[in-house]
Amino acid sequence: MKKTLLIFAMVALTTVTVFGQYNQDSRKRVSVGLKAGINLSNVYDSEGEQFNADAKFGLAAGLFVSIPLGSLFGIQPEILFSQKGYSGSGSILGSSYSYKYTSNFVDVPLMIAFKPVSLITILAGPQYSFLVSDKYVFNSAVIDIDQQNEFENDNIRKNILCFIGGADINFSKIVIGARVGWDIQDNKGDGTSETPRYKNVWYQATIGFRF
């Protein structure tokens, strides 16, 4: 019995020590970190000729800054390279087509942070997204195009206002994050573009290192 209690006490002590080591309370400390992960993106509120879209994966990577406003609240700005897009299908003049579209953005979220405990940070706020470039892989019975286009000759909105929310799990210097974001504005510019109108929506999972 004494041996069992001793083993239990040792396990409990080890658990507390490890948790304390990897979950130091940094809620009142300014910190900077790097993060990387993936987006699972698609579009919503789409409009086009028999236009259908499926989700696709993309890269997300960048840096974040945690600025405390007391122990419970703070501000967390970030700057990320973020790949979005979709796999699409539809028809043009009766001919069916399919294509994969990847859009490369610089995302700048400015989120309010709520920190009820040191382990969890809840985040939400606006995001500014700037379209850097895009790439189509197009397949149809009449045409086959694989090109990269920086939208210099196409009327697509490059500056997009978005909303993003999610949570971080904080293990001292390691931060695991999950986000969901969606565009508030669509991509149509002044309406003359032939590209289908849509708004991006994406789920994001990252792992980061806090300095």
N, C-alpha and C. Protein backbone atom coordinates (compact mmCIF):
# COMPACT_ATOMS: atom_id res chain seq x y z
N MET A 1 0.84 -1.21 0.00
CA MET A 1 0.00 0.00 0.00
C MET A 1 0.87 1.25 0.00
N LYS A 2 1.90 1.27 0.88
CA LYS A 2 2.79 2.42 0.95
C LYS A 2 3.53 2.60 -0.37
N LYS A 3 3.90 1.44 -0.98
CA LYS A 3 4.61 1.51 -2.26
C LYS A 3 3.71 2.11 -3.35
N THR A 4 2.43 1.72 -3.36
CA THR A 4 1.47 2.25 -4.32
C THR A 4 1.28 3.75 -4.14
N LEU A 5 1.15 4.19 -2.87
CA LEU A 5 0.98 5.62 -2.59
C LEU A 5 2.22 6.40 -3.00
N LEU A 6 3.41 5.81 -2.79
CA LEU A 6 4.64 6.49 -3.18
C LEU A 6 4.73 6.65 -4.69
N ILE A 7 4.36 5.60 -5.42
CA ILE A 7 4.37 5.68 -6.89
C ILE A 7 3.37 6.73 -7.37
N PHE A 8 2.18 6.71 -6.77
CA PHE A 8 1.16 7.70 -7.14
C PHE A 8 1.65 9.12 -6.88
N ALA A 9 2.30 9.33 -5.74
CA ALA A 9 2.80 10.65 -5.39
C ALA A 9 3.88 11.10 -6.36
N MET A 10 4.75 10.17 -6.76
CA MET A 10 5.81 10.50 -7.70
C MET A 10 5.25 10.87 -9.07
N VAL A 11 4.23 10.11 -9.53
CA VAL A 11 3.59 10.41 -10.81
C VAL A 11 2.91 11.78 -10.76
N ALA A 12 2.21 12.06 -9.67
CA ALA A 12 1.52 13.34 -9.52
C ALA A 12 2.52 14.49 -9.50
N LEU A 13 3.65 14.31 -8.78
CA LEU A 13 4.67 15.35 -8.71
C LEU A 13 5.30 15.61 -10.07
N THR A 14 5.55 14.53 -10.81
CA THR A 14 6.12 14.66 -12.16
C THR A 14 5.17 15.39 -13.09
N THR A 15 3.88 15.04 -13.00
CA THR A 15 2.87 15.69 -13.84
C THR A 15 2.79 17.18 -13.57
N VAL A 16 2.78 17.56 -12.29
CA VAL A 16 2.71 18.97 -11.92
C VAL A 16 3.96 19.70 -12.39
N THR A 17 5.14 19.06 -12.22
CA THR A 17 6.40 19.68 -12.63
C THR A 17 6.43 19.92 -14.13
N VAL A 18 6.03 18.89 -14.91
CA VAL A 18 6.04 19.01 -16.37
C VAL A 18 5.04 20.07 -16.82
N PHE A 19 3.82 20.05 -16.24
CA PHE A 19 2.81 21.04 -16.62
C PHE A 19 3.29 22.45 -16.31
N GLY A 20 3.93 22.61 -15.12
CA GLY A 20 4.44 23.92 -14.77
C GLY A 20 5.54 24.38 -15.69
N GLN A 21 6.37 23.43 -16.14
CA GLN A 21 7.48 23.77 -17.02
C GLN A 21 6.99 24.19 -18.39
N TYR A 22 5.96 23.53 -18.91
CA TYR A 22 5.51 23.78 -20.28
C TYR A 22 4.29 24.69 -20.36
N ASN A 23 3.81 25.16 -19.22
CA ASN A 23 2.64 26.04 -19.25
C ASN A 23 2.85 27.25 -18.35
N GLN A 24 3.99 27.92 -18.52
CA GLN A 24 4.27 29.11 -17.74
C GLN A 24 3.30 30.23 -18.15
N ASP A 25 2.85 30.96 -17.16
CA ASP A 25 1.88 32.03 -17.42
C ASP A 25 2.58 33.23 -18.04
N SER A 26 2.27 33.50 -19.32
CA SER A 26 2.90 34.62 -20.03
C SER A 26 1.87 35.67 -20.41
N ARG A 27 0.73 35.71 -19.71
CA ARG A 27 -0.36 36.58 -20.10
C ARG A 27 -0.02 38.07 -19.95
N LYS A 28 0.92 38.43 -19.08
CA LYS A 28 1.27 39.82 -18.86
C LYS A 28 2.57 40.21 -19.55
N ARG A 29 3.07 39.33 -20.41
CA ARG A 29 4.37 39.57 -21.04
C ARG A 29 4.21 39.77 -22.55
N VAL A 30 4.88 40.81 -23.08
CA VAL A 30 4.92 41.00 -24.53
C VAL A 30 5.80 39.91 -25.13
N SER A 31 5.31 39.26 -26.18
CA SER A 31 6.09 38.20 -26.80
C SER A 31 5.91 38.23 -28.31
N VAL A 32 6.93 37.73 -29.00
CA VAL A 32 6.93 37.63 -30.46
C VAL A 32 7.15 36.18 -30.82
N GLY A 33 6.50 35.72 -31.89
CA GLY A 33 6.65 34.32 -32.27
C GLY A 33 6.53 34.08 -33.76
N LEU A 34 6.97 32.92 -34.19
CA LEU A 34 6.83 32.45 -35.56
C LEU A 34 5.86 31.29 -35.59
N LYS A 35 5.10 31.16 -36.69
CA LYS A 35 4.12 30.09 -36.79
C LYS A 35 4.04 29.60 -38.22
N ALA A 36 3.63 28.34 -38.38
CA ALA A 36 3.45 27.76 -39.71
C ALA A 36 2.39 26.67 -39.62
N GLY A 37 1.69 26.45 -40.73
CA GLY A 37 0.65 25.43 -40.74
C GLY A 37 -0.05 25.37 -42.08
N ILE A 38 -1.33 24.99 -42.06
CA ILE A 38 -2.08 24.80 -43.30
C ILE A 38 -3.43 25.52 -43.24
N ASN A 39 -3.91 25.89 -44.42
CA ASN A 39 -5.28 26.37 -44.61
C ASN A 39 -6.08 25.29 -45.35
N LEU A 40 -7.31 25.14 -44.97
CA LEU A 40 -8.29 24.40 -45.77
C LEU A 40 -9.31 25.44 -46.22
N SER A 41 -9.24 25.81 -47.50
CA SER A 41 -10.02 26.96 -47.98
C SER A 41 -11.05 26.55 -49.01
N ASN A 42 -12.05 27.40 -49.15
CA ASN A 42 -13.08 27.25 -50.16
C ASN A 42 -13.66 28.63 -50.41
N VAL A 43 -14.76 28.71 -51.15
CA VAL A 43 -15.43 29.98 -51.39
C VAL A 43 -16.90 29.84 -51.01
N TYR A 44 -17.51 30.98 -50.72
CA TYR A 44 -18.95 31.01 -50.46
C TYR A 44 -19.52 32.24 -51.13
N ASP A 45 -20.83 32.32 -51.16
CA ASP A 45 -21.50 33.43 -51.84
C ASP A 45 -20.98 33.56 -53.27
N SER A 46 -20.85 32.42 -53.95
CA SER A 46 -20.29 32.43 -55.31
C SER A 46 -21.39 32.65 -56.34
N GLU A 47 -20.99 33.21 -57.49
CA GLU A 47 -21.94 33.49 -58.56
C GLU A 47 -21.22 33.33 -59.90
N GLY A 48 -21.73 32.47 -60.77
CA GLY A 48 -21.11 32.24 -62.06
C GLY A 48 -21.96 31.26 -62.85
N GLU A 49 -21.56 30.99 -64.08
CA GLU A 49 -22.32 30.10 -64.94
C GLU A 49 -22.10 28.65 -64.52
N GLN A 50 -23.09 28.05 -63.81
CA GLN A 50 -23.01 26.68 -63.32
C GLN A 50 -21.70 26.45 -62.58
N PHE A 51 -21.37 27.36 -61.68
CA PHE A 51 -20.09 27.32 -60.97
C PHE A 51 -20.22 26.53 -59.68
N ASN A 52 -19.34 25.53 -59.48
CA ASN A 52 -19.30 24.74 -58.24
C ASN A 52 -17.86 24.71 -57.76
N ALA A 53 -17.67 24.71 -56.45
CA ALA A 53 -16.32 24.75 -55.89
C ALA A 53 -16.16 23.71 -54.78
N ASP A 54 -14.95 23.14 -54.69
CA ASP A 54 -14.56 22.22 -53.63
C ASP A 54 -13.35 22.79 -52.89
N ALA A 55 -13.15 22.37 -51.65
CA ALA A 55 -12.08 22.89 -50.81
C ALA A 55 -10.71 22.39 -51.27
N LYS A 56 -9.66 23.15 -50.91
CA LYS A 56 -8.29 22.74 -51.20
C LYS A 56 -7.38 23.19 -50.05
N PHE A 57 -6.21 22.54 -49.95
CA PHE A 57 -5.24 22.86 -48.91
C PHE A 57 -4.23 23.88 -49.41
N GLY A 58 -3.69 24.68 -48.49
CA GLY A 58 -2.65 25.65 -48.82
C GLY A 58 -1.77 25.92 -47.61
N LEU A 59 -0.69 26.65 -47.83
CA LEU A 59 0.28 26.96 -46.79
C LEU A 59 -0.11 28.22 -46.04
N ALA A 60 0.22 28.25 -44.74
CA ALA A 60 0.07 29.47 -43.93
C ALA A 60 1.30 29.58 -43.04
N ALA A 61 1.97 30.76 -43.06
CA ALA A 61 3.18 30.92 -42.25
C ALA A 61 3.44 32.40 -42.02
N GLY A 62 4.00 32.74 -40.86
CA GLY A 62 4.31 34.13 -40.59
C GLY A 62 4.71 34.35 -39.15
N LEU A 63 4.44 35.55 -38.64
CA LEU A 63 4.81 35.88 -37.27
C LEU A 63 3.66 36.55 -36.55
N PHE A 64 3.72 36.54 -35.22
CA PHE A 64 2.68 37.14 -34.39
C PHE A 64 3.33 37.88 -33.23
N VAL A 65 2.59 38.85 -32.68
CA VAL A 65 3.02 39.61 -31.52
C VAL A 65 1.88 39.63 -30.51
N SER A 66 2.17 39.25 -29.28
CA SER A 66 1.17 39.28 -28.20
C SER A 66 1.44 40.49 -27.31
N ILE A 67 0.47 41.40 -27.24
CA ILE A 67 0.62 42.62 -26.45
C ILE A 67 -0.44 42.61 -25.36
N PRO A 68 -0.05 42.45 -24.10
CA PRO A 68 -1.05 42.35 -23.02
C PRO A 68 -1.66 43.70 -22.67
N LEU A 69 -2.94 43.65 -22.31
CA LEU A 69 -3.64 44.79 -21.72
C LEU A 69 -4.19 44.31 -20.38
N GLY A 70 -3.30 44.01 -19.46
CA GLY A 70 -3.67 43.34 -18.23
C GLY A 70 -3.51 41.84 -18.38
N SER A 71 -4.02 41.09 -17.41
CA SER A 71 -3.85 39.63 -17.44
C SER A 71 -4.94 38.92 -18.24
N LEU A 72 -6.10 39.56 -18.45
CA LEU A 72 -7.22 38.90 -19.13
C LEU A 72 -7.35 39.27 -20.59
N PHE A 73 -6.92 40.46 -20.98
CA PHE A 73 -7.12 40.91 -22.35
C PHE A 73 -5.80 41.36 -22.97
N GLY A 74 -5.80 41.40 -24.29
CA GLY A 74 -4.63 41.85 -25.01
C GLY A 74 -4.96 42.06 -26.48
N ILE A 75 -3.93 42.42 -27.24
CA ILE A 75 -4.03 42.59 -28.69
C ILE A 75 -3.01 41.68 -29.33
N GLN A 76 -3.40 41.01 -30.40
CA GLN A 76 -2.47 40.13 -31.10
C GLN A 76 -2.49 40.42 -32.61
N PRO A 77 -1.60 41.28 -33.09
CA PRO A 77 -1.46 41.45 -34.53
C PRO A 77 -0.58 40.34 -35.11
N GLU A 78 -0.83 39.99 -36.38
CA GLU A 78 -0.05 38.98 -37.06
C GLU A 78 0.19 39.43 -38.50
N ILE A 79 1.19 38.86 -39.14
CA ILE A 79 1.38 39.02 -40.57
C ILE A 79 1.75 37.65 -41.14
N LEU A 80 0.96 37.20 -42.13
CA LEU A 80 1.08 35.83 -42.62
C LEU A 80 1.09 35.79 -44.14
N PHE A 81 1.87 34.88 -44.69
CA PHE A 81 1.68 34.45 -46.07
C PHE A 81 0.65 33.34 -46.03
N SER A 82 -0.43 33.49 -46.81
CA SER A 82 -1.57 32.59 -46.68
C SER A 82 -2.09 32.19 -48.06
N GLN A 83 -2.08 30.90 -48.34
CA GLN A 83 -2.60 30.39 -49.61
C GLN A 83 -4.05 29.97 -49.44
N LYS A 84 -4.90 30.47 -50.32
CA LYS A 84 -6.32 30.12 -50.33
C LYS A 84 -6.69 29.63 -51.72
N GLY A 85 -7.98 29.50 -51.99
CA GLY A 85 -8.41 29.06 -53.31
C GLY A 85 -9.44 27.95 -53.23
N TYR A 86 -9.57 27.22 -54.35
CA TYR A 86 -10.59 26.18 -54.44
C TYR A 86 -10.34 25.35 -55.68
N SER A 87 -11.00 24.22 -55.74
CA SER A 87 -11.09 23.42 -56.97
C SER A 87 -12.46 23.68 -57.56
N GLY A 88 -12.51 24.14 -58.81
CA GLY A 88 -13.77 24.54 -59.39
C GLY A 88 -14.16 23.72 -60.60
N SER A 89 -15.43 23.80 -60.92
CA SER A 89 -15.95 23.16 -62.14
C SER A 89 -17.15 23.95 -62.61
N GLY A 90 -17.48 23.81 -63.90
CA GLY A 90 -18.63 24.52 -64.46
C GLY A 90 -18.68 24.32 -65.96
N SER A 91 -19.29 25.27 -66.65
CA SER A 91 -19.39 25.16 -68.10
C SER A 91 -19.30 26.53 -68.74
N ILE A 92 -18.71 26.58 -69.94
CA ILE A 92 -18.61 27.79 -70.74
C ILE A 92 -19.15 27.47 -72.13
N LEU A 93 -20.20 28.15 -72.53
CA LEU A 93 -20.82 27.95 -73.85
C LEU A 93 -21.14 26.47 -74.09
N GLY A 94 -21.63 25.81 -73.05
CA GLY A 94 -22.02 24.40 -73.18
C GLY A 94 -20.89 23.42 -73.02
N SER A 95 -19.64 23.87 -72.88
CA SER A 95 -18.50 22.97 -72.72
C SER A 95 -18.08 22.94 -71.25
N SER A 96 -17.99 21.75 -70.67
CA SER A 96 -17.64 21.62 -69.25
C SER A 96 -16.15 21.87 -69.05
N TYR A 97 -15.82 22.32 -67.85
CA TYR A 97 -14.43 22.56 -67.50
C TYR A 97 -14.21 22.27 -66.02
N SER A 98 -12.95 22.11 -65.63
CA SER A 98 -12.56 22.00 -64.23
C SER A 98 -11.24 22.71 -64.06
N TYR A 99 -11.02 23.27 -62.88
CA TYR A 99 -9.73 23.90 -62.65
C TYR A 99 -9.46 24.04 -61.16
N LYS A 100 -8.18 24.20 -60.87
CA LYS A 100 -7.72 24.43 -59.49
C LYS A 100 -7.15 25.83 -59.43
N TYR A 101 -7.60 26.58 -58.43
CA TYR A 101 -7.19 27.97 -58.30
C TYR A 101 -6.50 28.18 -56.94
N THR A 102 -5.30 28.75 -56.97
CA THR A 102 -4.56 29.07 -55.75
C THR A 102 -4.30 30.56 -55.71
N SER A 103 -4.70 31.22 -54.64
CA SER A 103 -4.46 32.65 -54.46
C SER A 103 -3.50 32.85 -53.29
N ASN A 104 -2.46 33.64 -53.52
CA ASN A 104 -1.44 33.91 -52.50
C ASN A 104 -1.68 35.28 -51.90
N PHE A 105 -1.94 35.30 -50.60
CA PHE A 105 -2.26 36.53 -49.89
C PHE A 105 -1.22 36.86 -48.83
N VAL A 106 -1.08 38.14 -48.54
CA VAL A 106 -0.47 38.59 -47.29
C VAL A 106 -1.63 38.99 -46.38
N ASP A 107 -1.81 38.24 -45.29
CA ASP A 107 -2.90 38.49 -44.35
C ASP A 107 -2.37 39.24 -43.13
N VAL A 108 -3.11 40.26 -42.70
CA VAL A 108 -2.73 41.04 -41.52
C VAL A 108 -3.93 41.10 -40.58
N PRO A 109 -4.10 40.10 -39.72
CA PRO A 109 -5.18 40.16 -38.72
C PRO A 109 -4.79 41.02 -37.52
N LEU A 110 -5.76 41.71 -36.96
CA LEU A 110 -5.58 42.47 -35.72
C LEU A 110 -6.67 42.01 -34.77
N MET A 111 -6.29 41.12 -33.85
CA MET A 111 -7.28 40.43 -33.03
C MET A 111 -7.24 40.87 -31.57
N ILE A 112 -8.41 40.92 -30.97
CA ILE A 112 -8.52 41.09 -29.53
C ILE A 112 -8.34 39.71 -28.89
N ALA A 113 -7.51 39.65 -27.86
CA ALA A 113 -7.22 38.39 -27.17
C ALA A 113 -7.89 38.38 -25.80
N PHE A 114 -8.61 37.31 -25.51
CA PHE A 114 -9.19 37.08 -24.19
C PHE A 114 -8.49 35.87 -23.59
N LYS A 115 -7.89 36.05 -22.40
CA LYS A 115 -7.04 35.02 -21.80
C LYS A 115 -7.59 34.61 -20.43
N PRO A 116 -8.63 33.76 -20.41
CA PRO A 116 -9.22 33.38 -19.13
C PRO A 116 -8.27 32.59 -18.23
N VAL A 117 -7.40 31.78 -18.85
CA VAL A 117 -6.36 31.04 -18.13
C VAL A 117 -5.10 31.10 -18.99
N SER A 118 -3.97 30.74 -18.40
CA SER A 118 -2.71 30.82 -19.13
C SER A 118 -2.64 29.83 -20.28
N LEU A 119 -3.39 28.74 -20.20
CA LEU A 119 -3.32 27.70 -21.22
C LEU A 119 -4.04 28.09 -22.51
N ILE A 120 -5.10 28.90 -22.41
CA ILE A 120 -5.97 29.16 -23.56
C ILE A 120 -6.10 30.66 -23.82
N THR A 121 -5.99 31.03 -25.10
CA THR A 121 -6.24 32.40 -25.55
C THR A 121 -7.32 32.36 -26.64
N ILE A 122 -8.40 33.12 -26.44
CA ILE A 122 -9.48 33.20 -27.41
C ILE A 122 -9.30 34.51 -28.19
N LEU A 123 -9.35 34.42 -29.54
CA LEU A 123 -9.02 35.56 -30.39
C LEU A 123 -10.11 35.83 -31.41
N ALA A 124 -10.33 37.10 -31.72
CA ALA A 124 -11.28 37.49 -32.77
C ALA A 124 -11.00 38.92 -33.19
N GLY A 125 -11.23 39.20 -34.48
CA GLY A 125 -11.05 40.56 -34.94
C GLY A 125 -11.01 40.67 -36.46
N PRO A 126 -10.82 41.88 -36.98
CA PRO A 126 -10.77 42.09 -38.43
C PRO A 126 -9.44 41.67 -39.02
N GLN A 127 -9.42 41.47 -40.31
CA GLN A 127 -8.20 41.12 -41.03
C GLN A 127 -8.18 41.83 -42.37
N TYR A 128 -7.01 42.37 -42.71
CA TYR A 128 -6.79 42.95 -44.03
C TYR A 128 -5.98 41.94 -44.84
N SER A 129 -6.44 41.63 -46.05
CA SER A 129 -5.76 40.68 -46.93
C SER A 129 -5.40 41.36 -48.24
N PHE A 130 -4.14 41.20 -48.65
CA PHE A 130 -3.70 41.75 -49.92
C PHE A 130 -3.30 40.61 -50.85
N LEU A 131 -3.90 40.58 -52.03
CA LEU A 131 -3.63 39.54 -53.01
C LEU A 131 -2.30 39.82 -53.72
N VAL A 132 -1.34 38.91 -53.59
CA VAL A 132 -0.03 39.06 -54.21
C VAL A 132 -0.02 38.46 -55.62
N SER A 133 -0.50 37.23 -55.75
CA SER A 133 -0.52 36.56 -57.05
C SER A 133 -1.52 35.41 -57.00
N ASP A 134 -1.77 34.82 -58.15
CA ASP A 134 -2.65 33.66 -58.20
C ASP A 134 -2.20 32.72 -59.31
N LYS A 135 -2.71 31.50 -59.28
CA LYS A 135 -2.35 30.51 -60.29
C LYS A 135 -3.55 29.65 -60.61
N TYR A 136 -3.80 29.46 -61.90
CA TYR A 136 -4.86 28.58 -62.39
C TYR A 136 -4.24 27.34 -63.03
N VAL A 137 -4.86 26.21 -62.80
CA VAL A 137 -4.61 25.01 -63.60
C VAL A 137 -5.96 24.64 -64.20
N PHE A 138 -6.12 24.86 -65.52
CA PHE A 138 -7.41 24.82 -66.20
C PHE A 138 -7.46 23.63 -67.16
N ASN A 139 -8.56 22.88 -67.13
CA ASN A 139 -8.74 21.74 -68.03
C ASN A 139 -10.15 21.77 -68.63
N SER A 140 -10.22 21.60 -69.94
CA SER A 140 -11.52 21.47 -70.61
C SER A 140 -11.30 20.77 -71.95
N ALA A 141 -12.40 20.51 -72.63
CA ALA A 141 -12.32 19.83 -73.92
C ALA A 141 -11.74 20.74 -75.00
N VAL A 142 -11.83 22.07 -74.78
CA VAL A 142 -11.37 22.98 -75.82
C VAL A 142 -10.06 23.68 -75.51
N ILE A 143 -9.71 23.80 -74.23
CA ILE A 143 -8.52 24.56 -73.87
C ILE A 143 -7.86 23.95 -72.64
N ASP A 144 -6.55 24.04 -72.54
CA ASP A 144 -5.79 23.54 -71.41
C ASP A 144 -4.74 24.59 -71.05
N ILE A 145 -4.93 25.27 -69.93
CA ILE A 145 -4.05 26.38 -69.56
C ILE A 145 -3.45 26.13 -68.19
N ASP A 146 -2.13 26.35 -68.07
CA ASP A 146 -1.47 26.33 -66.77
C ASP A 146 -0.63 27.60 -66.68
N GLN A 147 -1.15 28.62 -66.02
CA GLN A 147 -0.48 29.92 -66.04
C GLN A 147 -0.57 30.58 -64.68
N GLN A 148 0.39 31.46 -64.45
CA GLN A 148 0.37 32.29 -63.25
C GLN A 148 0.11 33.72 -63.66
N ASN A 149 -0.82 34.35 -62.97
CA ASN A 149 -1.26 35.68 -63.37
C ASN A 149 -1.31 36.55 -62.14
N GLU A 150 -0.67 37.69 -62.14
CA GLU A 150 -0.66 38.60 -61.00
C GLU A 150 -1.81 39.62 -61.07
N PHE A 151 -2.81 39.30 -61.84
CA PHE A 151 -4.02 40.12 -61.94
C PHE A 151 -3.74 41.55 -62.43
N GLU A 152 -2.67 41.74 -63.19
CA GLU A 152 -2.38 43.07 -63.71
C GLU A 152 -3.40 43.48 -64.78
N ASN A 153 -3.96 42.50 -65.50
CA ASN A 153 -4.89 42.80 -66.58
C ASN A 153 -6.29 42.28 -66.29
N ASP A 154 -6.54 41.90 -65.06
CA ASP A 154 -7.86 41.38 -64.71
C ASP A 154 -8.40 42.20 -63.55
N ASN A 155 -9.66 42.50 -63.59
CA ASN A 155 -10.26 43.35 -62.58
C ASN A 155 -10.71 42.54 -61.38
N ILE A 156 -9.76 42.16 -60.55
CA ILE A 156 -10.03 41.42 -59.32
C ILE A 156 -9.64 42.30 -58.14
N ARG A 157 -10.45 42.27 -57.10
CA ARG A 157 -10.14 43.08 -55.92
C ARG A 157 -8.89 42.51 -55.23
N LYS A 158 -7.90 43.36 -55.01
CA LYS A 158 -6.68 42.92 -54.34
C LYS A 158 -6.72 43.18 -52.84
N ASN A 159 -7.47 44.20 -52.42
CA ASN A 159 -7.54 44.56 -51.00
C ASN A 159 -8.87 44.10 -50.44
N ILE A 160 -8.84 43.14 -49.52
CA ILE A 160 -10.07 42.52 -49.04
C ILE A 160 -10.14 42.62 -47.51
N LEU A 161 -11.29 43.05 -47.02
CA LEU A 161 -11.54 43.08 -45.58
C LEU A 161 -12.17 41.75 -45.16
N CYS A 162 -11.64 41.17 -44.09
CA CYS A 162 -12.08 39.85 -43.62
C CYS A 162 -12.37 39.91 -42.12
N PHE A 163 -12.89 38.79 -41.60
CA PHE A 163 -13.05 38.61 -40.16
C PHE A 163 -12.48 37.25 -39.80
N ILE A 164 -11.81 37.18 -38.65
CA ILE A 164 -11.15 35.93 -38.26
C ILE A 164 -11.35 35.71 -36.76
N GLY A 165 -11.49 34.46 -36.36
CA GLY A 165 -11.63 34.11 -34.95
C GLY A 165 -11.06 32.73 -34.68
N GLY A 166 -10.72 32.47 -33.43
CA GLY A 166 -10.17 31.16 -33.10
C GLY A 166 -9.60 31.13 -31.70
N ALA A 167 -8.66 30.22 -31.48
CA ALA A 167 -8.08 30.04 -30.15
C ALA A 167 -6.65 29.52 -30.27
N ASP A 168 -5.83 29.85 -29.26
CA ASP A 168 -4.48 29.32 -29.13
C ASP A 168 -4.40 28.50 -27.85
N ILE A 169 -3.65 27.42 -27.92
CA ILE A 169 -3.30 26.65 -26.73
C ILE A 169 -1.82 26.90 -26.46
N ASN A 170 -1.50 27.39 -25.26
CA ASN A 170 -0.16 27.86 -24.94
C ASN A 170 0.57 26.87 -24.02
N PHE A 171 1.67 26.32 -24.52
CA PHE A 171 2.54 25.46 -23.73
C PHE A 171 3.90 26.14 -23.62
N SER A 172 3.98 27.15 -22.73
CA SER A 172 5.19 27.94 -22.59
C SER A 172 5.57 28.53 -23.93
N LYS A 173 6.63 28.05 -24.57
CA LYS A 173 7.09 28.62 -25.84
C LYS A 173 6.39 28.04 -27.06
N ILE A 174 5.66 26.95 -26.91
CA ILE A 174 4.94 26.33 -28.02
C ILE A 174 3.49 26.79 -28.01
N VAL A 175 3.00 27.21 -29.19
CA VAL A 175 1.62 27.69 -29.32
C VAL A 175 0.94 26.93 -30.46
N ILE A 176 -0.15 26.26 -30.15
CA ILE A 176 -0.95 25.56 -31.16
C ILE A 176 -2.21 26.38 -31.42
N GLY A 177 -2.42 26.74 -32.69
CA GLY A 177 -3.53 27.65 -33.01
C GLY A 177 -4.52 27.05 -33.98
N ALA A 178 -5.78 27.46 -33.85
CA ALA A 178 -6.85 27.08 -34.79
C ALA A 178 -7.67 28.32 -35.08
N ARG A 179 -7.96 28.56 -36.36
CA ARG A 179 -8.69 29.76 -36.78
C ARG A 179 -9.75 29.40 -37.82
N VAL A 180 -10.75 30.24 -37.91
CA VAL A 180 -11.67 30.23 -39.04
C VAL A 180 -11.80 31.68 -39.50
N GLY A 181 -11.75 31.89 -40.82
CA GLY A 181 -11.84 33.24 -41.34
C GLY A 181 -12.69 33.29 -42.59
N TRP A 182 -13.25 34.46 -42.88
CA TRP A 182 -14.05 34.60 -44.09
C TRP A 182 -14.00 36.05 -44.56
N ASP A 183 -14.05 36.22 -45.89
CA ASP A 183 -14.06 37.55 -46.49
C ASP A 183 -15.40 38.23 -46.25
N ILE A 184 -15.34 39.51 -45.96
CA ILE A 184 -16.55 40.32 -45.89
C ILE A 184 -16.87 40.91 -47.26
N GLN A 185 -15.83 41.19 -48.05
CA GLN A 185 -16.00 41.70 -49.42
C GLN A 185 -15.76 40.58 -50.43
N ASP A 186 -16.45 40.65 -51.58
CA ASP A 186 -16.19 39.66 -52.62
C ASP A 186 -15.05 40.13 -53.52
N ASN A 187 -14.70 39.32 -54.52
CA ASN A 187 -13.51 39.55 -55.34
C ASN A 187 -13.76 40.34 -56.61
N LYS A 188 -14.96 40.86 -56.82
CA LYS A 188 -15.35 41.26 -58.17
C LYS A 188 -14.80 42.61 -58.64
N GLY A 189 -14.14 43.39 -57.80
CA GLY A 189 -13.65 44.69 -58.25
C GLY A 189 -14.80 45.59 -58.65
N ASP A 190 -14.76 46.15 -59.86
CA ASP A 190 -15.86 47.01 -60.29
C ASP A 190 -16.92 46.25 -61.08
N GLY A 191 -16.80 44.90 -61.13
CA GLY A 191 -17.83 44.09 -61.75
C GLY A 191 -17.57 43.70 -63.18
N THR A 192 -16.43 44.11 -63.77
CA THR A 192 -16.17 43.81 -65.17
C THR A 192 -15.38 42.52 -65.37
N SER A 193 -14.87 41.92 -64.28
CA SER A 193 -14.08 40.70 -64.42
C SER A 193 -14.95 39.52 -64.83
N GLU A 194 -14.37 38.62 -65.64
CA GLU A 194 -15.09 37.42 -66.06
C GLU A 194 -14.94 36.28 -65.04
N THR A 195 -14.03 36.45 -64.07
CA THR A 195 -13.86 35.45 -63.04
C THR A 195 -15.12 35.38 -62.18
N PRO A 196 -15.58 34.19 -61.78
CA PRO A 196 -16.80 34.12 -60.95
C PRO A 196 -16.66 34.94 -59.66
N ARG A 197 -17.75 35.57 -59.27
CA ARG A 197 -17.76 36.33 -58.03
C ARG A 197 -17.81 35.36 -56.85
N TYR A 198 -17.03 35.65 -55.80
CA TYR A 198 -17.05 34.78 -54.62
C TYR A 198 -16.40 35.50 -53.45
N LYS A 199 -16.52 34.90 -52.26
CA LYS A 199 -15.79 35.31 -51.07
C LYS A 199 -15.07 34.09 -50.53
N ASN A 200 -13.85 34.29 -50.04
CA ASN A 200 -13.07 33.19 -49.47
C ASN A 200 -13.54 32.84 -48.06
N VAL A 201 -13.47 31.57 -47.72
CA VAL A 201 -13.64 31.11 -46.35
C VAL A 201 -12.57 30.05 -46.11
N TRP A 202 -11.98 30.03 -44.92
CA TRP A 202 -10.88 29.09 -44.68
C TRP A 202 -10.79 28.71 -43.20
N TYR A 203 -10.29 27.49 -42.99
CA TYR A 203 -9.95 26.98 -41.67
C TYR A 203 -8.43 26.86 -41.61
N GLN A 204 -7.85 27.26 -40.50
CA GLN A 204 -6.40 27.32 -40.40
C GLN A 204 -5.92 26.62 -39.12
N ALA A 205 -4.88 25.80 -39.24
CA ALA A 205 -4.26 25.14 -38.10
C ALA A 205 -2.76 25.40 -38.17
N THR A 206 -2.19 25.88 -37.06
CA THR A 206 -0.76 26.23 -37.04
C THR A 206 -0.10 25.76 -35.74
N ILE A 207 1.20 25.66 -35.80
CA ILE A 207 2.01 25.46 -34.59
C ILE A 207 3.09 26.53 -34.60
N GLY A 208 3.30 27.18 -33.44
CA GLY A 208 4.22 28.30 -33.39
C GLY A 208 5.20 28.19 -32.24
N PHE A 209 6.22 29.04 -32.33
CA PHE A 209 7.24 29.12 -31.29
C PHE A 209 7.31 30.55 -30.79
N ARG A 210 7.14 30.73 -29.48
CA ARG A 210 7.13 32.05 -28.86
C ARG A 210 8.51 32.35 -28.27
N PHE A 211 9.07 33.52 -28.61
CA PHE A 211 10.39 33.90 -28.10
C PHE A 211 10.27 34.60 -26.74
